[in-house]
Amino acid sequence: MKSWPVQDAKARFSELLETCLKEGPQIVSKRGADAAVLVPLKEWERLQRSAKPTLKDLLLADEARVDLDLPRRGRLRRREPGELV
């Protein structure tokens, strides 16, 4: 992957885009630090598909993907039948 300073990327955007399409992702740096990546659309779509699990994958997973902050049971008094709210 080639790194392009932001000034060059702005001034030579067409070249940056062509290089991206021919050679793959290109890094854009700002003040010497990597800041962004220009990626061909097909590769971006592939990455997006692989990053999102299907519902089937979620349901069959051995562990939860997120921790839920659920209230503890038994802390609140239950209403009696016929009790008004």
N, C-alpha and C. Protein backbone atom coordinates (compact mmCIF):
# COMPACT_ATOMS: atom_id res chain seq x y z
N MET A 1 0.85 -1.18 0.00
CA MET A 1 0.00 0.00 0.00
C MET A 1 0.89 1.24 0.00
N LYS A 2 0.57 2.14 -0.88
CA LYS A 2 1.31 3.39 -0.97
C LYS A 2 0.66 4.42 -0.05
N SER A 3 1.48 5.27 0.53
CA SER A 3 0.97 6.34 1.38
C SER A 3 1.08 7.67 0.63
N TRP A 4 0.00 8.43 0.65
CA TRP A 4 -0.07 9.73 -0.03
C TRP A 4 -0.28 10.83 1.02
N PRO A 5 0.61 11.82 1.06
CA PRO A 5 0.31 12.98 1.92
C PRO A 5 -0.97 13.66 1.43
N VAL A 6 -1.73 14.21 2.33
CA VAL A 6 -3.03 14.78 1.98
C VAL A 6 -2.91 15.84 0.88
N GLN A 7 -1.82 16.61 0.88
CA GLN A 7 -1.65 17.62 -0.16
C GLN A 7 -1.54 16.96 -1.54
N ASP A 8 -0.77 15.87 -1.63
CA ASP A 8 -0.64 15.15 -2.90
C ASP A 8 -1.95 14.48 -3.28
N ALA A 9 -2.62 13.91 -2.30
CA ALA A 9 -3.89 13.24 -2.58
C ALA A 9 -4.91 14.22 -3.15
N LYS A 10 -4.94 15.44 -2.62
CA LYS A 10 -5.86 16.46 -3.13
C LYS A 10 -5.46 16.92 -4.53
N ALA A 11 -4.17 17.18 -4.71
CA ALA A 11 -3.70 17.71 -5.99
C ALA A 11 -3.73 16.67 -7.10
N ARG A 12 -3.55 15.40 -6.75
CA ARG A 12 -3.47 14.34 -7.75
C ARG A 12 -4.53 13.27 -7.51
N PHE A 13 -5.75 13.71 -7.19
CA PHE A 13 -6.80 12.76 -6.82
C PHE A 13 -7.07 11.74 -7.92
N SER A 14 -7.10 12.17 -9.17
CA SER A 14 -7.34 11.22 -10.27
C SER A 14 -6.30 10.12 -10.29
N GLU A 15 -5.05 10.49 -10.07
CA GLU A 15 -3.97 9.49 -10.02
C GLU A 15 -4.13 8.57 -8.81
N LEU A 16 -4.50 9.15 -7.68
CA LEU A 16 -4.75 8.37 -6.47
C LEU A 16 -5.85 7.34 -6.72
N LEU A 17 -6.93 7.79 -7.35
CA LEU A 17 -8.05 6.90 -7.64
C LEU A 17 -7.64 5.79 -8.61
N GLU A 18 -6.94 6.13 -9.66
CA GLU A 18 -6.49 5.13 -10.63
C GLU A 18 -5.56 4.10 -9.98
N THR A 19 -4.66 4.58 -9.13
CA THR A 19 -3.74 3.68 -8.43
C THR A 19 -4.52 2.74 -7.51
N CYS A 20 -5.51 3.29 -6.84
CA CYS A 20 -6.37 2.48 -5.96
C CYS A 20 -7.07 1.39 -6.76
N LEU A 21 -7.63 1.73 -7.91
CA LEU A 21 -8.36 0.75 -8.71
C LEU A 21 -7.43 -0.32 -9.29
N LYS A 22 -6.19 0.05 -9.60
CA LYS A 22 -5.24 -0.90 -10.19
C LYS A 22 -4.50 -1.73 -9.15
N GLU A 23 -4.07 -1.07 -8.05
CA GLU A 23 -3.18 -1.72 -7.09
C GLU A 23 -3.84 -2.05 -5.76
N GLY A 24 -5.02 -1.52 -5.51
CA GLY A 24 -5.68 -1.79 -4.23
C GLY A 24 -5.66 -0.58 -3.31
N PRO A 25 -5.99 -0.77 -2.04
CA PRO A 25 -6.13 0.33 -1.08
C PRO A 25 -4.90 1.24 -1.03
N GLN A 26 -5.17 2.53 -0.84
CA GLN A 26 -4.13 3.55 -0.75
C GLN A 26 -4.35 4.35 0.54
N ILE A 27 -3.27 4.59 1.27
CA ILE A 27 -3.34 5.32 2.53
C ILE A 27 -3.15 6.81 2.26
N VAL A 28 -3.93 7.64 2.97
CA VAL A 28 -3.76 9.09 2.92
C VAL A 28 -3.30 9.52 4.31
N SER A 29 -2.19 10.25 4.37
CA SER A 29 -1.66 10.68 5.66
C SER A 29 -1.84 12.18 5.83
N LYS A 30 -2.00 12.58 7.08
CA LYS A 30 -2.17 13.99 7.42
C LYS A 30 -1.15 14.33 8.50
N ARG A 31 -0.29 15.28 8.21
CA ARG A 31 0.79 15.68 9.12
C ARG A 31 1.65 14.49 9.52
N GLY A 32 1.90 13.60 8.55
CA GLY A 32 2.79 12.47 8.78
C GLY A 32 2.15 11.25 9.42
N ALA A 33 0.89 11.35 9.83
CA ALA A 33 0.20 10.22 10.47
C ALA A 33 -0.86 9.68 9.52
N ASP A 34 -0.95 8.35 9.41
CA ASP A 34 -1.98 7.75 8.57
C ASP A 34 -3.36 8.18 9.06
N ALA A 35 -4.20 8.66 8.12
CA ALA A 35 -5.49 9.21 8.50
C ALA A 35 -6.67 8.50 7.86
N ALA A 36 -6.48 7.99 6.62
CA ALA A 36 -7.61 7.39 5.91
C ALA A 36 -7.08 6.43 4.86
N VAL A 37 -8.00 5.62 4.34
CA VAL A 37 -7.65 4.67 3.29
C VAL A 37 -8.69 4.77 2.18
N LEU A 38 -8.21 4.88 0.95
CA LEU A 38 -9.09 4.84 -0.22
C LEU A 38 -9.10 3.39 -0.69
N VAL A 39 -10.30 2.79 -0.74
CA VAL A 39 -10.45 1.37 -1.05
C VAL A 39 -11.37 1.22 -2.25
N PRO A 40 -11.06 0.30 -3.18
CA PRO A 40 -11.98 0.05 -4.30
C PRO A 40 -13.35 -0.40 -3.78
N LEU A 41 -14.40 0.00 -4.46
CA LEU A 41 -15.76 -0.27 -4.01
C LEU A 41 -16.02 -1.76 -3.81
N LYS A 42 -15.57 -2.60 -4.72
CA LYS A 42 -15.81 -4.05 -4.59
C LYS A 42 -15.21 -4.59 -3.30
N GLU A 43 -14.01 -4.13 -2.97
CA GLU A 43 -13.37 -4.58 -1.74
C GLU A 43 -14.11 -4.06 -0.51
N TRP A 44 -14.58 -2.82 -0.57
CA TRP A 44 -15.35 -2.23 0.53
C TRP A 44 -16.63 -3.04 0.77
N GLU A 45 -17.34 -3.37 -0.31
CA GLU A 45 -18.57 -4.16 -0.18
C GLU A 45 -18.27 -5.53 0.41
N ARG A 46 -17.17 -6.15 0.01
CA ARG A 46 -16.79 -7.46 0.55
C ARG A 46 -16.50 -7.34 2.05
N LEU A 47 -15.79 -6.28 2.43
CA LEU A 47 -15.49 -6.07 3.85
C LEU A 47 -16.76 -5.84 4.67
N GLN A 48 -17.70 -5.09 4.11
CA GLN A 48 -18.95 -4.83 4.81
C GLN A 48 -19.74 -6.11 5.02
N ARG A 49 -19.81 -6.95 3.97
CA ARG A 49 -20.54 -8.22 4.10
C ARG A 49 -19.90 -9.12 5.15
N SER A 50 -18.59 -9.17 5.17
CA SER A 50 -17.91 -10.07 6.12
C SER A 50 -17.97 -9.53 7.54
N ALA A 51 -18.19 -8.23 7.71
CA ALA A 51 -18.23 -7.65 9.05
C ALA A 51 -19.58 -7.83 9.73
N LYS A 52 -20.63 -8.10 8.96
CA LYS A 52 -21.97 -8.22 9.53
C LYS A 52 -22.38 -9.69 9.56
N PRO A 53 -22.56 -10.25 10.74
CA PRO A 53 -23.01 -11.63 10.80
C PRO A 53 -24.48 -11.73 10.40
N THR A 54 -24.86 -12.86 9.89
CA THR A 54 -26.26 -13.08 9.55
C THR A 54 -27.04 -13.38 10.83
N LEU A 55 -28.35 -13.31 10.75
CA LEU A 55 -29.18 -13.64 11.90
C LEU A 55 -28.91 -15.08 12.34
N LYS A 56 -28.74 -15.95 11.37
CA LYS A 56 -28.44 -17.35 11.68
C LYS A 56 -27.14 -17.45 12.48
N ASP A 57 -26.10 -16.71 12.06
CA ASP A 57 -24.83 -16.72 12.78
C ASP A 57 -25.02 -16.24 14.21
N LEU A 58 -25.81 -15.19 14.40
CA LEU A 58 -26.04 -14.65 15.74
C LEU A 58 -26.77 -15.65 16.62
N LEU A 59 -27.78 -16.29 16.07
CA LEU A 59 -28.58 -17.24 16.86
C LEU A 59 -27.80 -18.50 17.20
N LEU A 60 -26.88 -18.90 16.35
CA LEU A 60 -26.10 -20.12 16.59
C LEU A 60 -24.79 -19.87 17.33
N ALA A 61 -24.49 -18.62 17.62
CA ALA A 61 -23.23 -18.29 18.28
C ALA A 61 -23.20 -18.86 19.70
N ASP A 62 -22.01 -19.29 20.12
CA ASP A 62 -21.84 -19.83 21.47
C ASP A 62 -21.92 -18.76 22.55
N GLU A 63 -21.57 -17.57 22.21
CA GLU A 63 -21.59 -16.49 23.19
C GLU A 63 -22.26 -15.25 22.62
N ALA A 64 -22.69 -14.38 23.51
CA ALA A 64 -23.36 -13.15 23.09
C ALA A 64 -22.35 -12.19 22.47
N ARG A 65 -22.80 -11.39 21.50
CA ARG A 65 -21.92 -10.41 20.86
C ARG A 65 -21.79 -9.15 21.70
N VAL A 66 -22.75 -8.88 22.57
CA VAL A 66 -22.69 -7.70 23.42
C VAL A 66 -23.12 -8.08 24.83
N ASP A 67 -22.67 -7.32 25.78
CA ASP A 67 -23.11 -7.52 27.16
C ASP A 67 -24.32 -6.62 27.40
N LEU A 68 -25.39 -7.22 27.87
CA LEU A 68 -26.59 -6.46 28.18
C LEU A 68 -26.60 -6.12 29.66
N ASP A 69 -26.90 -4.89 29.96
CA ASP A 69 -26.99 -4.46 31.35
C ASP A 69 -28.43 -4.67 31.80
N LEU A 70 -28.72 -5.86 32.29
CA LEU A 70 -30.07 -6.19 32.71
C LEU A 70 -30.23 -5.93 34.20
N PRO A 71 -31.40 -5.41 34.61
CA PRO A 71 -31.61 -5.18 36.05
C PRO A 71 -31.67 -6.53 36.79
N ARG A 72 -31.25 -6.50 38.03
CA ARG A 72 -31.29 -7.72 38.84
C ARG A 72 -32.74 -8.09 39.13
N ARG A 73 -32.99 -9.35 39.17
CA ARG A 73 -34.35 -9.82 39.43
C ARG A 73 -34.67 -9.71 40.91
N GLY A 74 -35.95 -9.48 41.21
CA GLY A 74 -36.40 -9.50 42.58
C GLY A 74 -36.23 -8.20 43.34
N ARG A 75 -35.74 -7.16 42.70
CA ARG A 75 -35.53 -5.89 43.39
C ARG A 75 -36.83 -5.09 43.50
N LEU A 76 -37.75 -5.29 42.58
CA LEU A 76 -38.99 -4.53 42.59
C LEU A 76 -40.13 -5.38 43.15
N ARG A 77 -41.05 -4.70 43.82
CA ARG A 77 -42.21 -5.39 44.37
C ARG A 77 -43.20 -5.67 43.25
N ARG A 78 -43.69 -6.87 43.20
CA ARG A 78 -44.67 -7.23 42.17
C ARG A 78 -46.04 -6.72 42.58
N ARG A 79 -46.83 -6.38 41.55
CA ARG A 79 -48.21 -5.96 41.83
C ARG A 79 -49.07 -7.18 42.12
N GLU A 80 -49.97 -6.99 43.03
CA GLU A 80 -50.95 -8.04 43.32
C GLU A 80 -52.05 -7.99 42.28
N PRO A 81 -52.68 -9.12 41.96
CA PRO A 81 -53.79 -9.10 41.00
C PRO A 81 -54.87 -8.14 41.44
N GLY A 82 -55.31 -7.31 40.54
CA GLY A 82 -56.36 -6.34 40.82
C GLY A 82 -55.84 -5.03 41.41
N GLU A 83 -54.57 -4.92 41.71
CA GLU A 83 -53.99 -3.70 42.25
C GLU A 83 -53.89 -2.67 41.14
N LEU A 84 -54.27 -1.43 41.45
CA LEU A 84 -54.20 -0.35 40.47
C LEU A 84 -52.78 0.18 40.38
N VAL A 85 -52.44 0.66 39.18
CA VAL A 85 -51.09 1.18 38.95
C VAL A 85 -50.98 2.59 39.44
